[in-house]
Amino acid sequence: MRKTALLVLALSAALLLLVSAFGGRREAIARAEAAASRLQLQRDSLIGEVRIHTEAKAALERERALHSAQADRLRDSIAHLERSRAERQLAVRRTRTVGELQTRLRAAFPELGDSGWGLTTVPLEGDTLGLEYLMVPAWFAETFIIDHRNAESWREQKNTLLVVDSLGLLVTALQDSVAALVTANARAYQAGYDAAYAGFQDVSGRYVAELRKPRMSFGGTVGLIAAAGAGFFLGRVAHE
């Protein structure tokens, strides 16, 4: 009876070792699969966030394209206004009669009405015809002064705005270059991340597959345990 109990204890110990070994492998498989699952969830989350940022970037680029098109139209409008100004100035230079000049002045300064433009001839020494002068109220001269100063100021403002616009175009070009570099870096990181992810999944899959392979058959293991138990039992019998 004692010998049988010893045999049972030996068999139980061997079985416990076998179960522990299988249990350890199951835990390793579970840990590897859990790590792969966490990485998959993180990658899916990252892809979703990248998609959101990509869509937002595309929307901003569309809005920027609209504003750029509007800016181009305004630049064309400024160029058209400048051409119109030069043409009107040339038309004034081509005025040939005093009557036409008076008409242009009345159109330019309607606040004086039709009666504010007197005309006289001032004789010059040695000139029998003299020189024609327009007569306007004395203090109206300040209008010419103000308009002249305004023209100078607007000309400076126009030149400054042209410089600002040129700098804005340069800044936009530099920003485009920086954005292109950032995009290239992001794609490089993405390629590296995808390669690392694929490599990890491959290694993890092979590791789990390797853990799932039986190190010894169950029949062989049971036979080994039985043989060990029988040897132990026979040894004890021979000894006693």
Protein backbone atom coordinates (compact mmCIF):
# COMPACT_ATOMS: atom_id res chain seq x y z
CA MET A 1 0.00 0.00 0.00
CA ARG A 2 2.83 2.31 0.82
CA LYS A 3 4.52 1.50 -2.47
CA THR A 4 1.36 2.31 -4.40
CA ALA A 5 1.09 5.65 -2.65
CA LEU A 6 4.66 6.50 -3.53
CA LEU A 7 4.01 5.65 -7.16
CA VAL A 8 0.92 7.87 -7.19
CA LEU A 9 2.91 10.73 -5.67
CA ALA A 10 5.63 10.35 -8.31
CA LEU A 11 3.09 10.30 -11.12
CA SER A 12 1.33 13.32 -9.66
CA ALA A 13 4.58 15.30 -9.39
CA ALA A 14 5.50 14.51 -12.99
CA LEU A 15 2.03 15.50 -14.18
CA LEU A 16 2.22 18.73 -12.19
CA LEU A 17 5.53 19.59 -13.89
CA LEU A 18 3.97 18.87 -17.29
CA VAL A 19 0.92 21.04 -16.58
CA SER A 20 3.14 23.83 -15.29
CA ALA A 21 5.21 23.74 -18.46
CA PHE A 22 2.11 23.88 -20.65
CA GLY A 23 0.64 26.63 -18.46
CA GLY A 24 3.79 28.76 -18.82
CA ARG A 25 3.65 28.43 -22.59
CA ARG A 26 -0.03 29.40 -22.60
CA GLU A 27 0.81 32.52 -20.59
CA ALA A 28 3.61 33.41 -23.02
CA ILE A 29 1.24 32.96 -25.96
CA ALA A 30 -1.39 35.11 -24.25
CA ARG A 31 1.16 37.86 -23.54
CA ALA A 32 2.43 37.85 -27.13
CA GLU A 33 -1.07 37.93 -28.57
CA ALA A 34 -2.09 40.72 -26.17
CA ALA A 35 0.95 42.80 -27.18
CA ALA A 36 0.13 42.30 -30.87
CA SER A 37 -3.50 43.25 -30.22
CA ARG A 38 -2.49 46.43 -28.35
CA LEU A 39 -0.15 47.42 -31.16
CA GLN A 40 -2.93 46.81 -33.69
CA LEU A 41 -5.32 49.04 -31.72
CA GLN A 42 -2.68 51.78 -31.44
CA ARG A 43 -1.98 51.59 -35.17
CA ASP A 44 -5.68 51.77 -36.03
CA SER A 45 -6.06 54.79 -33.73
CA LEU A 46 -3.04 56.47 -35.30
CA ILE A 47 -4.33 55.83 -38.81
CA GLY A 48 -7.70 57.32 -37.85
CA GLU A 49 -6.06 60.42 -36.40
CA VAL A 50 -3.86 60.82 -39.46
CA ARG A 51 -6.95 60.53 -41.67
CA ILE A 52 -8.67 63.32 -39.69
CA HIS A 53 -5.61 65.56 -39.98
CA THR A 54 -5.30 64.78 -43.69
CA GLU A 55 -8.93 65.74 -44.30
CA ALA A 56 -8.51 68.97 -42.29
CA LYS A 57 -5.34 69.77 -44.25
CA ALA A 58 -7.17 69.18 -47.54
CA ALA A 59 -9.99 71.52 -46.45
CA LEU A 60 -7.48 74.22 -45.53
CA GLU A 61 -5.70 73.79 -48.85
CA ARG A 62 -9.02 74.21 -50.71
CA GLU A 63 -9.78 77.36 -48.74
CA ARG A 64 -6.30 78.64 -49.40
CA ALA A 65 -6.71 77.98 -53.12
CA LEU A 66 -9.92 80.05 -53.12
CA HIS A 67 -8.19 82.95 -51.35
CA SER A 68 -5.20 82.68 -53.68
CA ALA A 69 -7.50 82.86 -56.69
CA GLN A 70 -9.22 85.91 -55.21
CA ALA A 71 -5.83 87.54 -54.56
CA ASP A 72 -4.82 86.88 -58.18
CA ARG A 73 -8.04 88.52 -59.39
CA LEU A 74 -7.38 91.54 -57.18
CA ARG A 75 -3.83 91.83 -58.53
CA ASP A 76 -5.23 91.75 -62.04
CA SER A 77 -7.75 94.41 -61.02
CA ILE A 78 -4.97 96.63 -59.64
CA ALA A 79 -3.04 96.26 -62.87
CA HIS A 80 -6.19 97.17 -64.82
CA LEU A 81 -6.75 100.24 -62.63
CA GLU A 82 -3.18 101.35 -63.19
CA ARG A 83 -3.58 101.01 -66.96
CA SER A 84 -6.84 102.98 -66.82
CA ARG A 85 -5.17 105.72 -64.77
CA ALA A 86 -2.32 105.99 -67.27
CA GLU A 87 -4.81 106.17 -70.16
CA ARG A 88 -6.86 108.93 -68.49
CA GLN A 89 -3.71 110.88 -67.72
CA LEU A 90 -2.67 110.63 -71.36
CA ALA A 91 -6.13 111.80 -72.43
CA VAL A 92 -5.76 114.92 -70.26
CA ARG A 93 -2.35 115.57 -71.76
CA ARG A 94 -3.96 115.48 -75.18
CA THR A 95 -6.46 118.21 -74.36
CA ARG A 96 -6.21 120.87 -77.10
CA THR A 97 -8.82 123.55 -76.34
CA VAL A 98 -9.58 125.68 -73.30
CA GLY A 99 -13.24 124.73 -73.50
CA GLU A 100 -12.40 121.04 -73.27
CA LEU A 101 -10.07 121.79 -70.37
CA GLN A 102 -12.84 123.64 -68.54
CA THR A 103 -15.17 120.71 -69.09
CA ARG A 104 -12.65 118.32 -67.56
CA LEU A 105 -12.09 120.64 -64.59
CA ARG A 106 -15.83 120.94 -63.94
CA ALA A 107 -16.08 117.14 -64.01
CA ALA A 108 -13.13 116.80 -61.64
CA PHE A 109 -14.31 119.53 -59.22
CA PRO A 110 -18.12 119.62 -59.37
CA GLU A 111 -18.26 121.55 -56.08
CA LEU A 112 -17.48 124.80 -57.97
CA GLY A 113 -20.36 124.35 -60.40
CA ASP A 114 -20.43 125.93 -63.84
CA SER A 115 -19.75 129.51 -62.76
CA GLY A 116 -16.57 128.98 -60.77
CA TRP A 117 -14.25 128.88 -63.73
CA GLY A 118 -13.44 132.28 -65.09
CA LEU A 119 -11.24 132.76 -68.13
CA THR A 120 -8.97 135.69 -68.91
CA THR A 121 -6.04 136.55 -71.12
CA VAL A 122 -2.90 138.04 -69.64
CA PRO A 123 -0.80 139.93 -72.19
CA LEU A 124 2.87 139.15 -72.22
CA GLU A 125 5.62 141.57 -73.20
CA GLY A 126 6.18 141.34 -76.93
CA ASP A 127 3.22 138.98 -77.36
CA THR A 128 0.14 140.43 -78.99
CA LEU A 129 -2.02 137.40 -78.23
CA GLY A 130 -1.16 136.96 -74.54
CA LEU A 131 -1.62 133.84 -72.40
CA GLU A 132 -5.01 132.50 -71.29
CA TYR A 133 -5.60 131.84 -67.58
CA LEU A 134 -8.38 130.12 -65.72
CA MET A 135 -9.67 132.08 -62.74
CA VAL A 136 -10.76 130.21 -59.61
CA PRO A 137 -11.42 131.43 -56.05
CA ALA A 138 -8.12 131.98 -54.24
CA TRP A 139 -8.74 129.49 -51.45
CA PHE A 140 -9.66 126.83 -53.92
CA ALA A 141 -5.93 126.51 -54.51
CA GLU A 142 -5.73 124.53 -51.27
CA THR A 143 -7.70 121.78 -53.03
CA PHE A 144 -4.92 121.38 -55.58
CA ILE A 145 -2.35 121.28 -52.79
CA ILE A 146 -4.29 118.65 -50.82
CA ASP A 147 -4.88 116.52 -53.89
CA HIS A 148 -1.21 116.70 -54.80
CA ARG A 149 -0.16 115.63 -51.30
CA ASN A 150 -2.74 112.83 -51.33
CA ALA A 151 -1.44 111.60 -54.67
CA GLU A 152 2.08 111.46 -53.29
CA SER A 153 0.91 109.58 -50.20
CA TRP A 154 -1.19 107.11 -52.19
CA ARG A 155 1.71 106.50 -54.54
CA GLU A 156 3.95 105.64 -51.58
CA GLN A 157 1.24 103.43 -50.11
CA LYS A 158 0.82 101.64 -53.43
CA ASN A 159 4.55 100.98 -53.69
CA THR A 160 4.65 99.73 -50.10
CA LEU A 161 1.67 97.44 -50.68
CA LEU A 162 3.33 96.05 -53.78
CA VAL A 163 6.41 95.23 -51.69
CA VAL A 164 4.22 93.64 -49.01
CA ASP A 165 2.43 91.58 -51.66
CA SER A 166 5.74 90.41 -53.11
CA LEU A 167 6.96 89.42 -49.65
CA GLY A 168 3.67 87.64 -49.06
CA LEU A 169 4.17 85.61 -52.24
CA LEU A 170 7.72 84.78 -51.14
CA VAL A 171 6.53 83.72 -47.68
CA THR A 172 3.84 81.55 -49.27
CA ALA A 173 6.43 79.88 -51.48
CA LEU A 174 8.66 79.22 -48.46
CA GLN A 175 5.70 77.85 -46.50
CA ASP A 176 4.92 75.53 -49.40
CA SER A 177 8.51 74.31 -49.34
CA VAL A 178 8.37 73.73 -45.58
CA ALA A 179 5.03 71.92 -45.91
CA ALA A 180 6.49 69.72 -48.64
CA LEU A 181 9.44 68.83 -46.40
CA VAL A 182 7.13 68.09 -43.46
CA THR A 183 5.00 65.88 -45.69
CA ALA A 184 8.09 64.08 -46.97
CA ASN A 185 9.30 63.52 -43.40
CA ALA A 186 5.88 62.26 -42.35
CA ARG A 187 5.81 59.83 -45.25
CA ALA A 188 9.30 58.61 -44.38
CA TYR A 189 8.28 58.08 -40.74
CA GLN A 190 5.10 56.37 -41.91
CA ALA A 191 7.06 54.04 -44.17
CA GLY A 192 9.45 53.23 -41.33
CA TYR A 193 6.59 52.69 -38.89
CA ASP A 194 4.75 50.42 -41.34
CA ALA A 195 7.91 48.40 -41.92
CA ALA A 196 8.53 48.08 -38.17
CA TYR A 197 4.88 47.18 -37.57
CA ALA A 198 4.94 44.52 -40.28
CA GLY A 199 8.19 43.16 -38.91
CA PHE A 200 6.83 43.01 -35.36
CA GLN A 201 3.64 41.29 -36.49
CA ASP A 202 5.66 38.75 -38.45
CA VAL A 203 8.02 38.04 -35.57
CA SER A 204 5.14 37.94 -33.09
CA GLY A 205 3.19 35.54 -35.29
CA ARG A 206 6.16 33.23 -35.69
CA TYR A 207 6.84 33.42 -31.94
CA VAL A 208 3.27 32.45 -31.11
CA ALA A 209 3.35 29.67 -33.73
CA GLU A 210 6.56 28.37 -32.23
CA LEU A 211 5.05 28.41 -28.75
CA ARG A 212 2.03 26.51 -30.02
CA LYS A 213 4.20 23.69 -31.39
CA PRO A 214 4.21 20.70 -29.01
CA ARG A 215 7.64 20.08 -27.57
CA MET A 216 6.71 16.39 -26.95
CA SER A 217 3.68 14.28 -27.75
CA PHE A 218 1.19 13.63 -25.02
CA GLY A 219 1.49 9.87 -25.48
CA GLY A 220 5.26 10.03 -25.21
CA THR A 221 5.01 12.24 -22.15
CA VAL A 222 2.58 9.88 -20.47
CA GLY A 223 4.80 6.96 -21.36
CA LEU A 224 7.80 8.77 -19.93
CA ILE A 225 5.88 9.46 -16.73
CA ALA A 226 4.69 5.85 -16.58
CA ALA A 227 8.18 4.55 -17.16
CA ALA A 228 9.56 6.85 -14.50
CA GLY A 229 6.87 5.76 -12.12
CA ALA A 230 7.39 2.08 -12.92
CA GLY A 231 11.13 2.42 -12.47
CA PHE A 232 10.63 4.17 -9.21
CA PHE A 233 8.14 1.53 -8.12
CA LEU A 234 10.36 -1.40 -9.16
CA GLY A 235 13.34 0.21 -7.53
CA ARG A 236 11.44 0.56 -4.31
CA VAL A 237 10.20 -3.07 -4.54
CA ALA A 238 13.69 -4.44 -5.18
CA HIS A 239 15.07 -2.39 -2.36
CA GLU A 240 12.48 -3.65 0.04
